[in-house]
PDB file of N, CA and C in Angstrom:
ATOM      1  N   MET A   1       0.845  -1.181   0.000  1.00  0.00           N
ATOM      2  CA  MET A   1       0.000   0.000   0.000  1.00  0.00           C
ATOM      3  C   MET A   1       0.890   1.243   0.000  1.00  0.00           C
ATOM      4  N   ARG A   2       0.540   2.194  -0.840  1.00  0.00           N
ATOM      5  CA  ARG A   2       1.319   3.423  -0.964  1.00  0.00           C
ATOM      6  C   ARG A   2       0.869   4.441   0.071  1.00  0.00           C
ATOM      7  N   CYS A   3       1.798   5.030   0.762  1.00  0.00           N
ATOM      8  CA  CYS A   3       1.489   6.047   1.776  1.00  0.00           C
ATOM      9  C   CYS A   3       1.781   7.429   1.188  1.00  0.00           C
ATOM     10  N   ILE A   4       0.806   8.299   1.254  1.00  0.00           N
ATOM     11  CA  ILE A   4       0.969   9.657   0.745  1.00  0.00           C
ATOM     12  C   ILE A   4       1.460  10.536   1.884  1.00  0.00           C
ATOM     13  N   THR A   5       2.599  11.177   1.670  1.00  0.00           N
ATOM     14  CA  THR A   5       3.174  11.991   2.739  1.00  0.00           C
ATOM     15  C   THR A   5       3.102  13.488   2.447  1.00  0.00           C
ATOM     16  N   GLU A   6       2.877  13.857   1.185  1.00  0.00           N
ATOM     17  CA  GLU A   6       2.789  15.263   0.842  1.00  0.00           C
ATOM     18  C   GLU A   6       1.399  15.792   1.188  1.00  0.00           C
ATOM     19  N   THR A   7       1.308  17.096   1.440  1.00  0.00           N
ATOM     20  CA  THR A   7       0.009  17.695   1.720  1.00  0.00           C
ATOM     21  C   THR A   7      -0.489  18.425   0.477  1.00  0.00           C
ATOM     22  N   LEU A   8      -1.786  18.454   0.327  1.00  0.00           N
ATOM     23  CA  LEU A   8      -2.403  19.131  -0.807  1.00  0.00           C
ATOM     24  C   LEU A   8      -2.391  20.646  -0.612  1.00  0.00           C
ATOM     25  N   PHE A   9      -2.655  21.069   0.620  1.00  0.00           N
ATOM     26  CA  PHE A   9      -2.696  22.489   0.949  1.00  0.00           C
ATOM     27  C   PHE A   9      -1.612  22.790   1.976  1.00  0.00           C
ATOM     28  N   PRO A  10      -1.173  24.046   2.056  1.00  0.00           N
ATOM     29  CA  PRO A  10      -0.184  24.391   3.089  1.00  0.00           C
ATOM     30  C   PRO A  10      -0.789  24.217   4.480  1.00  0.00           C
ATOM     31  N   LEU A  11       0.036  23.844   5.435  1.00  0.00           N
ATOM     32  CA  LEU A  11      -0.436  23.690   6.805  1.00  0.00           C
ATOM     33  C   LEU A  11      -0.661  25.068   7.429  1.00  0.00           C
ATOM     34  N   ILE A  12      -1.805  25.206   8.099  1.00  0.00           N
ATOM     35  CA  ILE A  12      -2.184  26.482   8.712  1.00  0.00           C
ATOM     36  C   ILE A  12      -2.454  26.232  10.190  1.00  0.00           C
ATOM     37  N   LEU A  13      -2.018  27.136  11.043  1.00  0.00           N
ATOM     38  CA  LEU A  13      -2.309  27.017  12.474  1.00  0.00           C
ATOM     39  C   LEU A  13      -3.809  27.158  12.706  1.00  0.00           C
ATOM     40  N   ASN A  14      -4.306  26.456  13.705  1.00  0.00           N
ATOM     41  CA  ASN A  14      -5.727  26.452  14.038  1.00  0.00           C
ATOM     42  C   ASN A  14      -6.270  27.869  14.241  1.00  0.00           C
ATOM     43  N   ALA A  15      -5.548  28.683  14.977  1.00  0.00           N
ATOM     44  CA  ALA A  15      -6.004  30.054  15.249  1.00  0.00           C
ATOM     45  C   ALA A  15      -6.129  30.860  13.956  1.00  0.00           C
ATOM     46  N   LYS A  16      -5.185  30.693  13.038  1.00  0.00           N
ATOM     47  CA  LYS A  16      -5.217  31.422  11.767  1.00  0.00           C
ATOM     48  C   LYS A  16      -6.392  30.934  10.921  1.00  0.00           C
ATOM     49  N   LEU A  17      -6.628  29.630  10.912  1.00  0.00           N
ATOM     50  CA  LEU A  17      -7.750  29.073  10.160  1.00  0.00           C
ATOM     51  C   LEU A  17      -9.078  29.591  10.713  1.00  0.00           C
ATOM     52  N   ASN A  18      -9.195  29.652  12.036  1.00  0.00           N
ATOM     53  CA  ASN A  18     -10.419  30.190  12.648  1.00  0.00           C
ATOM     54  C   ASN A  18     -10.619  31.658  12.263  1.00  0.00           C
ATOM     55  N   LEU A  19      -9.538  32.409  12.139  1.00  0.00           N
ATOM     56  CA  LEU A  19      -9.624  33.799  11.711  1.00  0.00           C
ATOM     57  C   LEU A  19     -10.139  33.879  10.271  1.00  0.00           C
ATOM     58  N   TYR A  20      -9.618  33.009   9.395  1.00  0.00           N
ATOM     59  CA  TYR A  20     -10.103  32.968   8.001  1.00  0.00           C
ATOM     60  C   TYR A  20     -11.587  32.604   7.953  1.00  0.00           C
ATOM     61  N   LEU A  21     -11.992  31.632   8.763  1.00  0.00           N
ATOM     62  CA  LEU A  21     -13.400  31.230   8.791  1.00  0.00           C
ATOM     63  C   LEU A  21     -14.282  32.385   9.265  1.00  0.00           C
ATOM     64  N   LYS A  22     -13.791  33.162  10.228  1.00  0.00           N
ATOM     65  CA  LYS A  22     -14.549  34.328  10.701  1.00  0.00           C
ATOM     66  C   LYS A  22     -14.717  35.347   9.574  1.00  0.00           C
ATOM     67  N   GLU A  23     -13.664  35.565   8.814  1.00  0.00           N
ATOM     68  CA  GLU A  23     -13.736  36.504   7.682  1.00  0.00           C
ATOM     69  C   GLU A  23     -14.735  36.002   6.631  1.00  0.00           C
ATOM     70  N   ILE A  24     -14.701  34.710   6.352  1.00  0.00           N
ATOM     71  CA  ILE A  24     -15.635  34.132   5.380  1.00  0.00           C
ATOM     72  C   ILE A  24     -17.070  34.280   5.878  1.00  0.00           C
ATOM     73  N   ALA A  25     -17.288  33.980   7.170  1.00  0.00           N
ATOM     74  CA  ALA A  25     -18.624  34.110   7.750  1.00  0.00           C
ATOM     75  C   ALA A  25     -19.118  35.551   7.650  1.00  0.00           C
ATOM     76  N   ASP A  26     -18.254  36.502   7.974  1.00  0.00           N
ATOM     77  CA  ASP A  26     -18.627  37.916   7.879  1.00  0.00           C
ATOM     78  C   ASP A  26     -18.998  38.291   6.444  1.00  0.00           C
ATOM     79  N   ALA A  27     -18.186  37.847   5.485  1.00  0.00           N
ATOM     80  CA  ALA A  27     -18.427  38.174   4.075  1.00  0.00           C
ATOM     81  C   ALA A  27     -19.734  37.561   3.572  1.00  0.00           C
ATOM     82  N   CYS A  28     -20.114  36.417   4.147  1.00  0.00           N
ATOM     83  CA  CYS A  28     -21.337  35.722   3.712  1.00  0.00           C
ATOM     84  C   CYS A  28     -22.556  36.089   4.552  1.00  0.00           C
ATOM     85  N   GLY A  29     -22.346  36.913   5.569  1.00  0.00           N
ATOM     86  CA  GLY A  29     -23.465  37.297   6.433  1.00  0.00           C
ATOM     87  C   GLY A  29     -23.875  36.204   7.398  1.00  0.00           C
ATOM     88  N   ILE A  30     -22.969  35.288   7.690  1.00  0.00           N
ATOM     89  CA  ILE A  30     -23.255  34.202   8.637  1.00  0.00           C
ATOM     90  C   ILE A  30     -22.980  34.708  10.044  1.00  0.00           C
ATOM     91  N   LYS A  31     -23.983  34.596  10.901  1.00  0.00           N
ATOM     92  CA  LYS A  31     -23.851  35.126  12.261  1.00  0.00           C
ATOM     93  C   LYS A  31     -23.179  34.133  13.213  1.00  0.00           C
ATOM     94  N   LYS A  32     -23.172  32.864  12.857  1.00  0.00           N
ATOM     95  CA  LYS A  32     -22.599  31.826  13.719  1.00  0.00           C
ATOM     96  C   LYS A  32     -21.071  31.946  13.747  1.00  0.00           C
ATOM     97  N   ASN A  33     -20.465  31.631  14.890  1.00  0.00           N
ATOM     98  CA  ASN A  33     -19.024  31.665  15.042  1.00  0.00           C
ATOM     99  C   ASN A  33     -18.437  30.374  14.459  1.00  0.00           C
ATOM    100  N   LEU A  34     -17.955  30.438  13.209  1.00  0.00           N
ATOM    101  CA  LEU A  34     -17.401  29.257  12.562  1.00  0.00           C
ATOM    102  C   LEU A  34     -16.016  28.961  13.113  1.00  0.00           C
ATOM    103  N   THR A  35     -15.750  27.668  13.342  1.00  0.00           N
ATOM    104  CA  THR A  35     -14.444  27.239  13.834  1.00  0.00           C
ATOM    105  C   THR A  35     -13.988  26.010  13.060  1.00  0.00           C
ATOM    106  N   PHE A  36     -12.707  25.709  13.156  1.00  0.00           N
ATOM    107  CA  PHE A  36     -12.163  24.531  12.500  1.00  0.00           C
ATOM    108  C   PHE A  36     -12.830  23.272  13.051  1.00  0.00           C
ATOM    109  N   HIS A  37     -13.055  23.251  14.361  1.00  0.00           N
ATOM    110  CA  HIS A  37     -13.730  22.101  14.971  1.00  0.00           C
ATOM    111  C   HIS A  37     -15.120  21.894  14.344  1.00  0.00           C
ATOM    112  N   MET A  38     -15.857  22.974  14.172  1.00  0.00           N
ATOM    113  CA  MET A  38     -17.186  22.894  13.571  1.00  0.00           C
ATOM    114  C   MET A  38     -17.083  22.385  12.127  1.00  0.00           C
ATOM    115  N   ALA A  39     -16.077  22.846  11.411  1.00  0.00           N
ATOM    116  CA  ALA A  39     -15.888  22.411  10.027  1.00  0.00           C
ATOM    117  C   ALA A  39     -15.584  20.918   9.963  1.00  0.00           C
ATOM    118  N   ARG A  40     -14.738  20.425  10.845  1.00  0.00           N
ATOM    119  CA  ARG A  40     -14.430  18.981  10.888  1.00  0.00           C
ATOM    120  C   ARG A  40     -15.682  18.178  11.212  1.00  0.00           C
ATOM    121  N   HIS A  41     -16.449  18.657  12.176  1.00  0.00           N
ATOM    122  CA  HIS A  41     -17.666  17.961  12.582  1.00  0.00           C
ATOM    123  C   HIS A  41     -18.668  17.916  11.423  1.00  0.00           C
ATOM    124  N   THR A  42     -18.841  19.033  10.741  1.00  0.00           N
ATOM    125  CA  THR A  42     -19.757  19.093   9.600  1.00  0.00           C
ATOM    126  C   THR A  42     -19.285  18.169   8.483  1.00  0.00           C
ATOM    127  N   PHE A  43     -17.989  18.175   8.226  1.00  0.00           N
ATOM    128  CA  PHE A  43     -17.440  17.287   7.202  1.00  0.00           C
ATOM    129  C   PHE A  43     -17.729  15.829   7.560  1.00  0.00           C
ATOM    130  N   ALA A  44     -17.471  15.463   8.813  1.00  0.00           N
ATOM    131  CA  ALA A  44     -17.649  14.073   9.231  1.00  0.00           C
ATOM    132  C   ALA A  44     -19.108  13.640   9.181  1.00  0.00           C
ATOM    133  N   THR A  45     -20.008  14.504   9.609  1.00  0.00           N
ATOM    134  CA  THR A  45     -21.416  14.106   9.688  1.00  0.00           C
ATOM    135  C   THR A  45     -22.163  14.386   8.392  1.00  0.00           C
ATOM    136  N   THR A  46     -22.240  15.629   7.996  1.00  0.00           N
ATOM    137  CA  THR A  46     -23.074  16.034   6.866  1.00  0.00           C
ATOM    138  C   THR A  46     -22.498  15.613   5.519  1.00  0.00           C
ATOM    139  N   VAL A  47     -21.206  15.799   5.338  1.00  0.00           N
ATOM    140  CA  VAL A  47     -20.608  15.529   4.032  1.00  0.00           C
ATOM    141  C   VAL A  47     -20.359  14.037   3.825  1.00  0.00           C
ATOM    142  N   THR A  48     -19.819  13.361   4.803  1.00  0.00           N
ATOM    143  CA  THR A  48     -19.411  11.972   4.574  1.00  0.00           C
ATOM    144  C   THR A  48     -20.418  10.941   5.074  1.00  0.00           C
ATOM    145  N   LEU A  49     -20.630  10.874   6.377  1.00  0.00           N
ATOM    146  CA  LEU A  49     -21.450   9.791   6.937  1.00  0.00           C
ATOM    147  C   LEU A  49     -22.882   9.788   6.415  1.00  0.00           C
ATOM    148  N   THR A  50     -23.506  10.954   6.300  1.00  0.00           N
ATOM    149  CA  THR A  50     -24.890  10.978   5.811  1.00  0.00           C
ATOM    150  C   THR A  50     -24.979  10.659   4.324  1.00  0.00           C
ATOM    151  N   ASN A  51     -23.854  10.682   3.628  1.00  0.00           N
ATOM    152  CA  ASN A  51     -23.826  10.339   2.214  1.00  0.00           C
ATOM    153  C   ASN A  51     -23.268   8.943   1.964  1.00  0.00           C
ATOM    154  N   GLY A  52     -23.203   8.139   3.020  1.00  0.00           N
ATOM    155  CA  GLY A  52     -22.859   6.732   2.871  1.00  0.00           C
ATOM    156  C   GLY A  52     -21.388   6.383   2.840  1.00  0.00           C
ATOM    157  N   VAL A  53     -20.508   7.323   3.155  1.00  0.00           N
ATOM    158  CA  VAL A  53     -19.088   6.995   3.210  1.00  0.00           C
ATOM    159  C   VAL A  53     -18.863   6.110   4.437  1.00  0.00           C
ATOM    160  N   PRO A  54     -18.189   4.969   4.272  1.00  0.00           N
ATOM    161  CA  PRO A  54     -17.969   4.066   5.413  1.00  0.00           C
ATOM    162  C   PRO A  54     -17.213   4.756   6.551  1.00  0.00           C
ATOM    163  N   ILE A  55     -17.577   4.381   7.756  1.00  0.00           N
ATOM    164  CA  ILE A  55     -16.974   5.021   8.937  1.00  0.00           C
ATOM    165  C   ILE A  55     -15.463   4.810   8.987  1.00  0.00           C
ATOM    166  N   GLU A  56     -14.991   3.684   8.454  1.00  0.00           N
ATOM    167  CA  GLU A  56     -13.541   3.436   8.425  1.00  0.00           C
ATOM    168  C   GLU A  56     -12.836   4.470   7.547  1.00  0.00           C
ATOM    169  N   THR A  57     -13.454   4.824   6.442  1.00  0.00           N
ATOM    170  CA  THR A  57     -12.880   5.827   5.547  1.00  0.00           C
ATOM    171  C   THR A  57     -12.886   7.200   6.212  1.00  0.00           C
ATOM    172  N   VAL A  58     -14.000   7.529   6.847  1.00  0.00           N
ATOM    173  CA  VAL A  58     -14.098   8.824   7.542  1.00  0.00           C
ATOM    174  C   VAL A  58     -13.035   8.902   8.635  1.00  0.00           C
ATOM    175  N   SER A  59     -12.853   7.819   9.349  1.00  0.00           N
ATOM    176  CA  SER A  59     -11.847   7.765  10.409  1.00  0.00           C
ATOM    177  C   SER A  59     -10.456   8.076   9.861  1.00  0.00           C
ATOM    178  N   LYS A  60     -10.130   7.476   8.734  1.00  0.00           N
ATOM    179  CA  LYS A  60      -8.821   7.728   8.102  1.00  0.00           C
ATOM    180  C   LYS A  60      -8.707   9.181   7.642  1.00  0.00           C
ATOM    181  N   LEU A  61      -9.780   9.691   7.014  1.00  0.00           N
ATOM    182  CA  LEU A  61      -9.749  11.073   6.524  1.00  0.00           C
ATOM    183  C   LEU A  61      -9.559  12.078   7.646  1.00  0.00           C
ATOM    184  N   LEU A  62     -10.138  11.785   8.808  1.00  0.00           N
ATOM    185  CA  LEU A  62     -10.017  12.690   9.952  1.00  0.00           C
ATOM    186  C   LEU A  62      -8.708  12.485  10.718  1.00  0.00           C
ATOM    187  N   GLY A  63      -7.967  11.437  10.370  1.00  0.00           N
ATOM    188  CA  GLY A  63      -6.695  11.175  11.036  1.00  0.00           C
ATOM    189  C   GLY A  63      -6.838  10.530  12.397  1.00  0.00           C
ATOM    190  N   HIS A  64      -7.980   9.897  12.657  1.00  0.00           N
ATOM    191  CA  HIS A  64      -8.175   9.225  13.933  1.00  0.00           C
ATOM    192  C   HIS A  64      -7.389   7.921  13.960  1.00  0.00           C
ATOM    193  N   THR A  65      -6.774   7.622  15.091  1.00  0.00           N
ATOM    194  CA  THR A  65      -6.045   6.359  15.226  1.00  0.00           C
ATOM    195  C   THR A  65      -6.962   5.240  15.714  1.00  0.00           C
ATOM    196  N   ARG A  66      -8.065   5.615  16.344  1.00  0.00           N
ATOM    197  CA  ARG A  66      -9.036   4.616  16.833  1.00  0.00           C
ATOM    198  C   ARG A  66     -10.403   4.894  16.223  1.00  0.00           C
ATOM    199  N   ILE A  67     -11.058   3.843  15.761  1.00  0.00           N
ATOM    200  CA  ILE A  67     -12.388   3.980  15.155  1.00  0.00           C
ATOM    201  C   ILE A  67     -13.402   4.493  16.181  1.00  0.00           C
ATOM    202  N   ALA A  68     -13.158   4.212  17.453  1.00  0.00           N
ATOM    203  CA  ALA A  68     -14.062   4.664  18.520  1.00  0.00           C
ATOM    204  C   ALA A  68     -14.175   6.187  18.539  1.00  0.00           C
ATOM    205  N   THR A  69     -13.106   6.871  18.193  1.00  0.00           N
ATOM    206  CA  THR A  69     -13.130   8.334  18.145  1.00  0.00           C
ATOM    207  C   THR A  69     -14.104   8.805  17.069  1.00  0.00           C
ATOM    208  N   THR A  70     -14.110   8.135  15.940  1.00  0.00           N
ATOM    209  CA  THR A  70     -14.992   8.501  14.825  1.00  0.00           C
ATOM    210  C   THR A  70     -16.435   8.115  15.116  1.00  0.00           C
ATOM    211  N   GLN A  71     -16.643   7.069  15.907  1.00  0.00           N
ATOM    212  CA  GLN A  71     -17.998   6.605  16.204  1.00  0.00           C
ATOM    213  C   GLN A  71     -18.820   7.658  16.928  1.00  0.00           C
ATOM    214  N   VAL A  72     -18.179   8.622  17.565  1.00  0.00           N
ATOM    215  CA  VAL A  72     -18.897   9.733  18.198  1.00  0.00           C
ATOM    216  C   VAL A  72     -19.717  10.465  17.137  1.00  0.00           C
ATOM    217  N   TYR A  73     -19.137  10.664  15.953  1.00  0.00           N
ATOM    218  CA  TYR A  73     -19.842  11.330  14.859  1.00  0.00           C
ATOM    219  C   TYR A  73     -21.003  10.475  14.370  1.00  0.00           C
ATOM    220  N   ALA A  74     -20.804   9.169  14.324  1.00  0.00           N
ATOM    221  CA  ALA A  74     -21.865   8.264  13.867  1.00  0.00           C
ATOM    222  C   ALA A  74     -23.054   8.311  14.815  1.00  0.00           C
ATOM    223  N   LYS A  75     -22.811   8.498  16.109  1.00  0.00           N
ATOM    224  CA  LYS A  75     -23.911   8.591  17.077  1.00  0.00           C
ATOM    225  C   LYS A  75     -24.766   9.821  16.792  1.00  0.00           C
ATOM    226  N   VAL A  76     -24.135  10.906  16.353  1.00  0.00           N
ATOM    227  CA  VAL A  76     -24.880  12.116  15.985  1.00  0.00           C
ATOM    228  C   VAL A  76     -25.822  11.789  14.832  1.00  0.00           C
ATOM    229  N   ILE A  77     -25.335  11.030  13.857  1.00  0.00           N
ATOM    230  CA  ILE A  77     -26.135  10.647  12.696  1.00  0.00           C
ATOM    231  C   ILE A  77     -27.285   9.739  13.119  1.00  0.00           C
ATOM    232  N   GLU A  78     -27.010   8.771  14.007  1.00  0.00           N
ATOM    233  CA  GLU A  78     -28.060   7.867  14.491  1.00  0.00           C
ATOM    234  C   GLU A  78     -29.157   8.649  15.207  1.00  0.00           C
ATOM    235  N   ARG A  79     -28.773   9.602  16.050  1.00  0.00           N
ATOM    236  CA  ARG A  79     -29.753  10.407  16.778  1.00  0.00           C
ATOM    237  C   ARG A  79     -30.590  11.223  15.800  1.00  0.00           C
ATOM    238  N   LYS A  80     -29.947  11.789  14.792  1.00  0.00           N
ATOM    239  CA  LYS A  80     -30.664  12.561  13.777  1.00  0.00           C
ATOM    240  C   LYS A  80     -31.640  11.669  13.038  1.00  0.00           C
ATOM    241  N   GLY A  81     -31.216  10.466  12.692  1.00  0.00           N
ATOM    242  CA  GLY A  81     -32.101   9.518  12.015  1.00  0.00           C
ATOM    243  C   GLY A  81     -33.292   9.166  12.874  1.00  0.00           C
ATOM    244  N   SER A  82     -33.048   8.965  14.145  1.00  0.00           N
ATOM    245  CA  SER A  82     -34.130   8.648  15.071  1.00  0.00           C
ATOM    246  C   SER A  82     -35.112   9.813  15.180  1.00  0.00           C
ATOM    247  N   ASP A  83     -34.580  11.036  15.280  1.00  0.00           N
ATOM    248  CA  ASP A  83     -35.434  12.222  15.342  1.00  0.00           C
ATOM    249  C   ASP A  83     -36.257  12.379  14.058  1.00  0.00           C
ATOM    250  N   ASP A  84     -35.608  12.135  12.915  1.00  0.00           N
ATOM    251  CA  ASP A  84     -36.307  12.246  11.635  1.00  0.00           C
ATOM    252  C   ASP A  84     -37.427  11.214  11.528  1.00  0.00           C
ATOM    253  N   MET A  85     -37.180   9.999  11.989  1.00  0.00           N
ATOM    254  CA  MET A  85     -38.200   8.954  11.934  1.00  0.00           C
ATOM    255  C   MET A  85     -39.367   9.294  12.864  1.00  0.00           C
ATOM    256  N   GLN A  86     -39.081   9.896  14.013  1.00  0.00           N
ATOM    257  CA  GLN A  86     -40.144  10.310  14.917  1.00  0.00           C
ATOM    258  C   GLN A  86     -40.994  11.403  14.260  1.00  0.00           C
ATOM    259  N   SER A  87     -40.349  12.334  13.572  1.00  0.00           N
ATOM    260  CA  SER A  87     -41.085  13.383  12.847  1.00  0.00           C
ATOM    261  C   SER A  87     -41.969  12.769  11.768  1.00  0.00           C
ATOM    262  N   LEU A  88     -41.444  11.785  11.051  1.00  0.00           N
ATOM    263  CA  LEU A  88     -42.232  11.109  10.023  1.00  0.00           C
ATOM    264  C   LEU A  88     -43.428  10.396  10.648  1.00  0.00           C
ATOM    265  N   LYS A  89     -43.211   9.723  11.750  1.00  0.00           N
ATOM    266  CA  LYS A  89     -44.295   9.025  12.451  1.00  0.00           C
ATOM    267  C   LYS A  89     -45.389  10.017  12.845  1.00  0.00           C
ATOM    268  N   ASN A  90     -44.993  11.160  13.387  1.00  0.00           N
ATOM    269  CA  ASN A  90     -45.969  12.184  13.787  1.00  0.00           C
ATOM    270  C   ASN A  90     -46.728  12.727  12.582  1.00  0.00           C
ATOM    271  N   LYS A  91     -46.031  12.945  11.467  1.00  0.00           N
ATOM    272  CA  LYS A  91     -46.682  13.444  10.258  1.00  0.00           C
ATOM    273  C   LYS A  91     -47.680  12.424   9.724  1.00  0.00           C
ATOM    274  N   LEU A  92     -47.283  11.161   9.680  1.00  0.00           N
ATOM    275  CA  LEU A  92     -48.182  10.122   9.187  1.00  0.00           C
ATOM    276  C   LEU A  92     -49.411   9.996  10.086  1.00  0.00           C
ATOM    277  N   ARG A  93     -49.205  10.101  11.382  1.00  0.00           N
ATOM    278  CA  ARG A  93     -50.315  10.039  12.334  1.00  0.00           C
ATOM    279  C   ARG A  93     -51.266  11.214  12.099  1.00  0.00           C
ATOM    280  N   SER A  94     -50.691  12.401  11.878  1.00  0.00           N
ATOM    281  CA  SER A  94     -51.500  13.592  11.624  1.00  0.00           C
ATOM    282  C   SER A  94     -52.281  13.446  10.318  1.00  0.00           C
ATOM    283  N   ASP A  95     -51.609  12.951   9.269  1.00  0.00           N
ATOM    284  CA  ASP A  95     -52.286  12.738   7.987  1.00  0.00           C
ATOM    285  C   ASP A  95     -53.431  11.741   8.129  1.00  0.00           C
ATOM    286  N   LYS A  96     -53.202  10.691   8.894  1.00  0.00           N
ATOM    287  CA  LYS A  96     -54.233   9.668   9.107  1.00  0.00           C
ATOM    288  C   LYS A  96     -55.422  10.283   9.844  1.00  0.00           C
ATOM    289  N   ASP A  97     -55.139  11.091  10.859  1.00  0.00           N
ATOM    290  CA  ASP A  97     -56.213  11.752  11.610  1.00  0.00           C
ATOM    291  C   ASP A  97     -57.002  12.707  10.709  1.00  0.00           C
ATOM    292  N   ASN A  98     -56.294  13.422   9.824  1.00  0.00           N
ATOM    293  CA  ASN A  98     -56.967  14.341   8.892  1.00  0.00           C
ATOM    294  C   ASN A  98     -57.865  13.578   7.921  1.00  0.00           C
ATOM    295  N   LEU A  99     -57.404  12.434   7.440  1.00  0.00           N
ATOM    296  CA  LEU A  99     -58.227  11.628   6.544  1.00  0.00           C
ATOM    297  C   LEU A  99     -59.484  11.154   7.247  1.00  0.00           C
ATOM    298  N   LYS A 100     -59.345  10.707   8.500  1.00  0.00           N
ATOM    299  CA  LYS A 100     -60.515  10.251   9.269  1.00  0.00           C
ATOM    300  C   LYS A 100     -61.492  11.406   9.448  1.00  0.00           C
ATOM    301  N   SER A 101     -60.943  12.574   9.782  1.00  0.00           N
ATOM    302  CA  SER A 101     -61.791  13.749   9.999  1.00  0.00           C
ATOM    303  C   SER A 101     -62.545  14.126   8.728  1.00  0.00           C
ATOM    304  N   ASN A 102     -61.854  14.113   7.606  1.00  0.00           N
ATOM    305  CA  ASN A 102     -62.502  14.431   6.320  1.00  0.00           C
ATOM    306  C   ASN A 102     -63.559  13.398   5.960  1.00  0.00           C
ATOM    307  N   LYS A 103     -63.309  12.142   6.270  1.00  0.00           N
ATOM    308  CA  LYS A 103     -64.289  11.089   5.950  1.00  0.00           C
ATOM    309  C   LYS A 103     -65.561  11.281   6.767  1.00  0.00           C
ATOM    310  N   ILE A 104     -65.396  11.623   8.045  1.00  0.00           N
ATOM    311  CA  ILE A 104     -66.559  11.839   8.909  1.00  0.00           C
ATOM    312  C   ILE A 104     -67.370  13.030   8.401  1.00  0.00           C
ATOM    313  N   GLU A 105     -66.692  14.107   7.983  1.00  0.00           N
ATOM    314  CA  GLU A 105     -67.394  15.297   7.479  1.00  0.00           C
ATOM    315  C   GLU A 105     -68.145  15.001   6.187  1.00  0.00           C
ATOM    316  N   ASN A 106     -67.587  14.126   5.364  1.00  0.00           N
ATOM    317  CA  ASN A 106     -68.216  13.814   4.077  1.00  0.00           C
ATOM    318  C   ASN A 106     -69.339  12.793   4.186  1.00  0.00           C
ATOM    319  N   ASP A 107     -69.422  12.053   5.289  1.00  0.00           N
ATOM    320  CA  ASP A 107     -70.469  11.039   5.461  1.00  0.00           C
ATOM    321  C   ASP A 107     -71.791  11.630   5.881  1.00  0.00           C
TER     322      ASP A 107
END
């Protein structure tokens, strides 16, 4: 297996990167305080895991030495899935109740 040792982008200190993110947020009118940590978390959850990238791959991309570290991100996805399914259940229940109500009114 070939190991890649070169970097694609120049290495930037965390504080400098957070400053760049603040400038980008200001330019885009984003009120939230963007940080490198937030960017990593978003990449792990929204970009990769929710789009079906295997957790082992995400772990490697994030530079984690233990898969357990990456599994924290997967728990966020599981909780979101559970919340989404509960919302769907509530919507279906509401739709069913509306259909019953309409049927009674039409009878």
